[in-house]
Protein backbone atom coordinates (compact mmCIF):
# COMPACT_ATOMS: atom_id res chain seq x y z
CA MET A 1 156.26 147.23 184.04
CA SER A 2 158.61 149.83 185.47
CA LEU A 3 159.92 152.69 183.35
CA ARG A 4 163.45 151.27 183.55
CA ASN A 5 162.39 147.88 182.19
CA TYR A 6 160.37 149.57 179.46
CA VAL A 7 163.39 151.60 178.37
CA ILE A 8 165.65 148.52 178.38
CA ARG A 9 163.13 146.57 176.31
CA ARG A 10 162.84 149.38 173.77
CA LEU A 11 166.62 149.65 173.52
CA LEU A 12 166.97 145.92 172.90
CA LEU A 13 164.25 145.99 170.25
CA SER A 14 166.14 148.75 168.43
CA ILE A 15 169.09 146.43 167.74
CA PRO A 16 167.31 143.90 165.48
CA LEU A 17 165.41 146.81 163.93
CA PHE A 18 168.71 148.38 162.90
CA PHE A 19 170.01 145.17 161.34
CA GLY A 20 166.69 144.50 159.61
CA ILE A 21 166.68 147.96 158.03
CA SER A 22 170.31 147.61 156.92
CA ILE A 23 169.67 144.22 155.28
CA ILE A 24 166.57 145.43 153.44
CA LEU A 25 168.29 148.59 152.23
CA PHE A 26 171.37 146.67 151.09
CA ALA A 27 169.24 144.14 149.23
CA LEU A 28 167.39 146.93 147.45
CA MET A 29 170.66 148.63 146.51
CA ILE A 30 172.42 145.65 144.98
CA ASN A 31 169.28 144.53 143.11
CA ALA A 32 168.78 147.91 141.45
CA PRO A 33 168.97 147.80 137.64
CA ALA A 34 172.54 148.45 136.42
CA ASP A 35 175.47 149.35 138.65
CA TYR A 36 178.20 151.96 138.84
CA VAL A 37 180.23 150.35 136.05
CA ASP A 38 177.21 150.24 133.74
CA ILE A 39 176.69 153.97 134.30
CA LEU A 40 180.37 154.60 133.48
CA ARG A 41 180.04 152.59 130.30
CA LEU A 42 177.21 154.85 129.11
CA SER A 43 179.57 157.83 129.22
CA ASN A 44 182.47 155.82 127.79
CA PRO A 45 181.17 153.33 125.20
CA THR A 46 184.74 152.30 124.25
CA MET A 47 185.33 150.69 127.66
CA THR A 48 186.35 147.07 127.19
CA PRO A 49 184.84 144.16 129.17
CA GLU A 50 188.22 143.63 130.86
CA GLU A 51 188.27 147.23 132.08
CA GLN A 52 184.74 146.86 133.38
CA GLU A 53 185.62 143.72 135.33
CA ASN A 54 188.73 145.37 136.77
CA ILE A 55 186.67 148.30 138.06
CA ARG A 56 184.08 145.95 139.54
CA HIS A 57 186.83 143.96 141.24
CA ASN A 58 188.51 147.07 142.67
CA LEU A 59 185.16 148.31 144.02
CA GLY A 60 184.20 144.88 145.38
CA LEU A 61 181.12 144.62 143.18
CA ASP A 62 182.11 141.12 142.03
CA ARG A 63 181.87 139.68 145.55
CA GLU A 64 178.98 137.69 146.87
CA PRO A 65 176.20 139.88 148.32
CA ILE A 66 176.75 138.54 151.86
CA ASP A 67 180.48 139.39 151.62
CA GLN A 68 179.67 142.90 150.41
CA TYR A 69 177.27 143.39 153.33
CA ILE A 70 179.75 142.14 155.93
CA TYR A 71 182.50 144.29 154.45
CA TRP A 72 180.24 147.36 154.57
CA LEU A 73 179.04 146.66 158.12
CA LEU A 74 182.20 145.46 159.88
CA GLY A 75 185.12 146.15 157.59
CA SER A 76 188.02 144.09 156.30
CA ASN A 77 191.52 143.10 157.36
CA SER A 78 194.07 142.91 154.56
CA GLU A 79 196.15 140.24 156.33
CA LEU A 80 193.29 137.93 157.24
CA GLY A 81 191.27 138.17 154.02
CA ASP A 82 187.97 139.80 153.21
CA TRP A 83 186.14 138.43 156.23
CA GLY A 84 189.10 138.72 158.60
CA ASN A 85 188.63 138.33 162.33
CA PHE A 86 185.84 140.86 162.70
CA LEU A 87 184.73 139.77 166.15
CA GLN A 88 188.24 140.08 167.52
CA GLU A 89 188.75 143.57 166.12
CA PHE A 90 185.24 144.64 167.13
CA ALA A 91 185.89 143.45 170.69
CA ASP A 92 189.13 145.42 170.69
CA PHE A 93 187.23 148.50 169.53
CA VAL A 94 184.38 148.22 172.05
CA VAL A 95 186.20 146.97 175.16
CA PHE A 96 189.16 149.31 174.96
CA LEU A 97 187.42 152.33 173.45
CA PRO A 98 187.82 154.46 176.64
CA PHE A 99 191.56 153.80 176.65
CA ARG A 100 192.07 155.03 173.11
CA PHE A 101 192.10 158.57 174.47
CA VAL A 102 195.00 157.68 176.77
CA GLN A 103 198.65 157.70 175.79
CA ASP A 104 200.30 154.37 174.90
CA THR A 105 197.01 152.79 173.85
CA ASN A 106 198.94 150.07 171.99
CA LEU A 107 199.03 148.22 175.31
CA PHE A 108 195.30 147.70 174.94
CA ASP A 109 195.03 145.74 171.70
CA LEU A 110 194.04 142.21 170.84
CA GLY A 111 196.73 141.68 168.26
CA ILE A 112 195.44 143.01 164.94
CA ALA A 113 197.33 146.02 163.67
CA ASP A 114 195.03 148.95 163.00
CA SER A 115 196.96 149.75 159.82
CA ASN A 116 195.76 146.45 158.35
CA PHE A 117 192.14 146.88 159.37
CA GLU A 118 189.70 148.99 157.37
CA PRO A 119 186.71 149.58 159.67
CA GLY A 120 183.11 149.44 158.49
CA PHE A 121 179.88 151.18 159.39
CA ALA A 122 179.74 149.58 162.84
CA PHE A 123 182.93 151.50 163.70
CA GLY A 124 181.54 154.83 162.51
CA ASN A 125 183.27 154.66 159.14
CA MET A 126 180.92 154.87 156.15
CA GLY A 127 183.74 154.05 153.79
CA ARG A 128 184.42 155.68 150.45
CA SER A 129 182.10 156.45 147.61
CA PHE A 130 182.71 154.86 144.24
CA THR A 131 184.22 158.16 143.11
CA GLY A 132 186.91 157.84 145.81
CA SER A 133 185.71 160.51 148.24
CA SER A 134 185.24 159.86 151.96
CA ILE A 135 181.52 159.52 152.69
CA ASN A 136 182.02 160.87 156.22
CA SER A 137 183.59 164.02 154.74
CA ILE A 138 180.82 164.48 152.15
CA ILE A 139 178.07 164.15 154.75
CA GLY A 140 179.93 166.40 157.17
CA ALA A 141 180.21 169.12 154.51
CA LEU A 142 176.57 168.94 153.38
CA ALA A 143 174.67 167.97 156.53
CA TRP A 144 174.42 171.47 158.00
CA GLN A 145 172.98 172.86 154.76
CA THR A 146 170.18 170.30 154.90
CA ILE A 147 169.60 170.57 158.65
CA LYS A 148 169.26 174.36 158.70
CA LEU A 149 166.79 174.26 155.82
CA GLN A 150 164.75 171.56 157.55
CA LEU A 151 164.83 173.37 160.89
CA ALA A 152 163.70 176.62 159.27
CA SER A 153 160.78 174.87 157.56
CA LEU A 154 159.86 173.08 160.81
CA LEU A 155 159.92 176.39 162.70
CA MET A 156 157.72 177.93 160.02
CA SER A 157 155.26 175.02 160.30
CA LEU A 158 154.95 175.43 164.06
CA MET A 159 154.74 179.23 164.07
CA ILE A 160 151.98 179.28 161.46
CA GLY A 161 150.24 175.94 161.92
CA ILE A 162 149.67 176.06 165.70
CA PRO A 163 148.15 179.58 165.93
CA LEU A 164 145.96 179.00 162.86
CA GLY A 165 144.86 175.64 164.27
CA ILE A 166 143.91 177.22 167.59
CA PHE A 167 141.96 180.06 165.98
CA SER A 168 140.23 177.64 163.60
CA ALA A 169 139.16 175.45 166.53
CA ARG A 170 137.87 178.41 168.54
CA LYS A 171 135.76 179.66 165.61
CA PRO A 172 135.01 176.66 163.37
CA TYR A 173 133.60 177.34 159.89
CA SER A 174 134.49 181.02 160.15
CA LYS A 175 136.39 182.88 157.41
CA LEU A 176 139.66 182.27 159.23
CA ASP A 177 138.87 178.57 159.56
CA ASN A 178 138.04 178.36 155.85
CA PHE A 179 141.32 180.10 155.03
CA GLY A 180 143.26 177.67 157.18
CA THR A 181 141.46 174.68 155.67
CA THR A 182 142.21 175.94 152.16
CA LEU A 183 145.87 176.51 153.07
CA ALA A 184 146.11 173.00 154.52
CA LEU A 185 144.48 171.47 151.45
CA PHE A 186 146.87 173.34 149.17
CA GLY A 187 149.93 172.37 151.19
CA VAL A 188 149.03 168.68 151.22
CA SER A 189 147.83 168.44 147.62
CA MET A 190 150.50 170.31 145.68
CA PRO A 191 153.75 168.43 144.85
CA VAL A 192 156.79 170.23 146.20
CA PHE A 193 158.56 170.29 142.83
CA TRP A 194 155.55 172.03 141.22
CA THR A 195 155.26 174.50 144.10
CA GLY A 196 158.99 175.18 143.91
CA ILE A 197 158.87 175.89 140.18
CA MET A 198 155.86 178.18 140.64
CA PHE A 199 157.63 180.13 143.38
CA ILE A 200 160.69 180.53 141.16
CA LEU A 201 158.55 181.86 138.32
CA LEU A 202 156.65 184.25 140.59
CA PHE A 203 159.27 185.54 143.00
CA SER A 204 162.76 184.87 141.62
CA ASP A 205 165.09 187.14 139.72
CA TYR A 206 164.09 185.61 136.41
CA LYS A 207 160.45 186.69 136.32
CA ILE A 208 159.24 189.29 138.77
CA LEU A 209 155.63 189.61 139.88
CA PHE A 210 154.20 191.56 142.79
CA GLY A 211 157.46 193.55 143.03
CA ILE A 212 159.15 190.91 145.24
CA ARG A 213 162.52 189.37 144.33
CA PHE A 214 164.25 186.45 146.02
CA PRO A 215 167.29 184.39 144.97
CA ALA A 216 166.21 181.04 143.58
CA LEU A 217 169.44 179.07 143.10
CA GLY A 218 172.08 177.89 145.55
CA SER A 219 172.76 178.96 149.12
CA LYS A 220 174.80 182.09 148.36
CA SER A 221 175.25 184.63 145.60
CA TYR A 222 177.81 184.01 142.91
CA THR A 223 178.78 187.68 142.97
CA LEU A 224 180.33 187.52 146.45
CA THR A 225 183.91 188.77 146.46
CA GLY A 226 184.97 187.56 149.90
CA THR A 227 185.26 191.08 151.31
CA GLU A 228 181.67 191.21 152.60
CA SER A 229 180.98 191.59 156.30
CA ALA A 230 179.50 188.82 158.41
CA LEU A 231 176.16 190.64 158.42
CA ASP A 232 176.11 190.87 154.62
CA LEU A 233 176.86 187.16 154.31
CA LEU A 234 174.10 186.33 156.80
CA VAL A 235 171.55 188.48 154.96
CA ASP A 236 172.54 186.89 151.65
CA GLU A 237 172.19 183.38 153.09
CA LEU A 238 168.81 184.12 154.66
CA ALA A 239 167.56 185.58 151.36
CA HIS A 240 168.51 182.33 149.57
CA MET A 241 166.67 180.30 152.23
CA VAL A 242 163.32 182.10 151.87
CA LEU A 243 161.86 180.31 148.84
CA PRO A 244 162.98 176.72 149.62
CA THR A 245 161.94 177.14 153.26
CA ILE A 246 158.44 178.29 152.32
CA VAL A 247 158.02 175.51 149.76
CA LEU A 248 159.30 172.88 152.19
CA GLY A 249 157.28 174.26 155.09
CA LEU A 250 153.90 174.37 153.34
CA ALA A 251 153.26 170.64 153.72
CA GLY A 252 154.40 170.69 157.36
CA THR A 253 152.24 173.73 158.09
CA ALA A 254 149.20 171.98 156.64
CA LEU A 255 149.78 168.90 158.80
CA VAL A 256 150.38 170.86 162.02
CA LEU A 257 147.36 173.07 161.35
CA ARG A 258 144.99 170.14 160.82
CA LEU A 259 146.32 168.21 163.83
CA THR A 260 146.08 171.24 166.11
CA ARG A 261 142.57 172.09 164.92
CA SER A 262 141.14 168.59 165.28
CA SER A 263 142.83 168.00 168.63
CA MET A 264 141.69 171.38 170.00
CA LEU A 265 138.11 170.74 168.89
CA GLU A 266 138.13 167.45 170.78
CA VAL A 267 139.72 168.91 173.92
CA LEU A 268 137.38 171.89 174.04
CA ARG A 269 134.45 169.47 174.37
CA GLN A 270 135.90 167.80 177.46
CA ASP A 271 134.24 168.18 180.87
CA TYR A 272 137.27 169.76 182.56
CA ILE A 273 137.17 172.62 180.02
CA LEU A 274 133.49 173.18 180.83
CA THR A 275 134.40 173.14 184.53
CA ALA A 276 137.18 175.69 184.02
CA ARG A 277 134.82 177.99 182.17
CA SER A 278 132.10 177.57 184.83
CA LYS A 279 134.59 178.74 187.45
CA GLY A 280 134.85 182.04 185.63
CA LEU A 281 138.39 181.62 184.33
CA PRO A 282 139.32 183.96 181.48
CA GLU A 283 138.89 182.37 178.06
CA ARG A 284 142.53 183.03 177.22
CA LEU A 285 143.62 181.07 180.30
CA VAL A 286 141.25 178.20 179.48
CA ILE A 287 142.55 177.93 175.93
CA TYR A 288 146.29 178.35 176.40
CA LYS A 289 146.80 176.78 179.81
CA HIS A 290 144.26 173.98 180.06
CA ALA A 291 143.26 173.04 176.52
CA LEU A 292 146.42 173.66 174.49
CA ARG A 293 148.66 171.55 176.72
CA ASN A 294 146.71 168.38 175.97
CA ALA A 295 145.88 169.32 172.39
CA LEU A 296 149.55 169.58 171.42
CA LEU A 297 150.38 165.93 172.16
CA PRO A 298 149.82 164.85 168.52
CA VAL A 299 151.89 167.81 167.35
CA VAL A 300 154.73 166.79 169.67
CA THR A 301 154.70 163.36 168.04
CA VAL A 302 154.94 164.90 164.57
CA VAL A 303 157.79 167.17 165.68
CA GLY A 304 159.66 164.19 167.12
CA LEU A 305 159.37 162.28 163.87
CA SER A 306 160.38 165.38 161.90
CA ILE A 307 163.57 165.69 163.92
CA GLY A 308 164.35 162.08 163.08
CA PHE A 309 164.08 162.90 159.38
CA LEU A 310 166.22 166.05 159.53
CA LEU A 311 169.05 164.48 157.53
CA ALA A 312 166.67 162.90 155.07
CA GLY A 313 166.56 166.28 153.46
CA ALA A 314 164.14 167.28 150.76
CA ALA A 315 165.57 165.82 147.59
CA LEU A 316 163.03 167.44 145.27
CA THR A 317 163.14 170.86 146.94
CA GLU A 318 166.95 170.91 147.05
CA THR A 319 167.13 169.81 143.42
CA VAL A 320 164.65 172.45 142.21
CA PHE A 321 166.46 175.25 144.06
CA SER A 322 169.99 173.83 143.51
CA TRP A 323 170.43 173.82 147.28
CA PRO A 324 173.79 172.21 148.20
CA GLY A 325 172.40 169.68 150.68
CA LEU A 326 172.28 165.95 151.22
CA GLY A 327 169.00 165.56 149.34
CA ARG A 328 170.41 166.97 146.13
CA GLU A 329 173.63 164.98 146.53
CA ALA A 330 171.61 161.80 147.14
CA VAL A 331 169.77 162.26 143.83
CA ALA A 332 173.09 162.57 142.00
CA ARG A 333 174.51 159.49 143.77
CA ILE A 334 171.40 157.46 142.97
CA ASN A 335 171.89 158.25 139.29
CA LEU A 336 175.51 157.05 139.64
CA ARG A 337 174.42 153.88 141.50
CA ASP A 338 176.84 154.81 144.29
CA TYR A 339 175.73 152.08 146.72
CA ASN A 340 178.23 152.97 149.45
CA PHE A 341 177.10 156.57 149.69
CA MET A 342 173.40 155.69 149.63
CA MET A 343 173.86 153.05 152.33
CA GLY A 344 175.70 155.49 154.54
CA VAL A 345 173.12 158.26 154.20
CA ASN A 346 170.09 155.98 154.50
CA MET A 347 171.44 154.19 157.56
CA LEU A 348 172.30 157.48 159.23
CA ILE A 349 168.73 158.61 158.62
CA ALA A 350 167.43 155.27 159.94
CA ILE A 351 169.48 155.64 163.13
CA MET A 352 168.12 159.16 163.70
CA VAL A 353 164.55 157.95 163.15
CA ILE A 354 165.05 155.02 165.54
CA ILE A 355 166.49 157.32 168.21
CA SER A 356 163.74 159.93 167.77
CA ASN A 357 161.05 157.24 168.01
CA LEU A 358 162.76 155.80 171.07
CA VAL A 359 162.89 159.19 172.79
CA THR A 360 159.25 159.87 171.87
CA ASP A 361 158.10 156.50 173.24
CA ILE A 362 160.06 156.96 176.46
CA THR A 363 158.63 160.47 176.89
CA TYR A 364 155.10 159.16 176.39
CA ALA A 365 155.76 156.31 178.83
CA PHE A 366 156.97 158.82 181.39
CA LEU A 367 153.89 161.00 180.93
CA ASP A 368 151.36 158.17 180.70
CA PRO A 369 152.23 154.94 182.60
CA ARG A 370 149.52 153.02 180.70
CA ILE A 371 151.73 153.01 177.59
CA ARG A 372 154.30 150.76 179.29
CA TYR A 373 151.97 147.76 179.23
């Protein structure tokens, strides 16, 4: 099979995968115990049954599950009813999308006024949360906070895990190898919420040990006056990132370290490494040019998957450190049973994971033609 056919097949397989994930997620959401109105009633016990039904009707929670799913996915037209003519409007959106950036785009329309059509997720609109806020706006405001924290922890994992893995493989069962193994075991075994609380107790402003102090709450100091320089703001932001980044990066460091060590040990036993050494090549060249290139393939796979989960955030870490990211917001929305927001975030994460897996598979197919069959 040619690389082009392999790519086309993988792209086509991604379409039913997307719909399958969306259906499963939606089914899990609507079958969760209680809904948004039930949560409101807990805070307002005097709410009458009529008021509850009115809220459910306004939010569309009294519709059939299939209608709610179609409305979320495709949207609704106020003139044509809840289902509307979705295919007609979707065709208008897809076929004439390039012309929407041209003046007088009303000439390219299939007859449904845009003012009457409320687009769904398929049109890039995640809708509104049950609290009335635009989900696109919420994610846009919080996404960068989550992404920069995830990228910092991923960078930490690579910068620490790969060198330690290489040194551990070169000198197995040495003191350095035992240290790396212990670090990996700690990173994998300890829950992130426990590690986060311990780091707050040890290194935050509230209880100081070892003479080191780091901010433990939020992404910026509450004492900022707005007159600080850009450098001061950057230093303050980096200081707030230290503890959550370390806590979030410990598990990733452990995984990268173990993968690098085991892969390097296997590669160093290969015949071509023995041949390179018999030719008199310097050990540094053998390790970093010949062995490391092949040993890092499993690590590349992990990095690709990590990029796909960038927006997934770290709900526990962000909650412990009060970090204003998507993970913390998702926990709050789960408690509110805000189905629209959770569907939007989860599907965005699913799309990123699908794309990252697709890119990883295509890269592997390009490097190793045997994978295409």
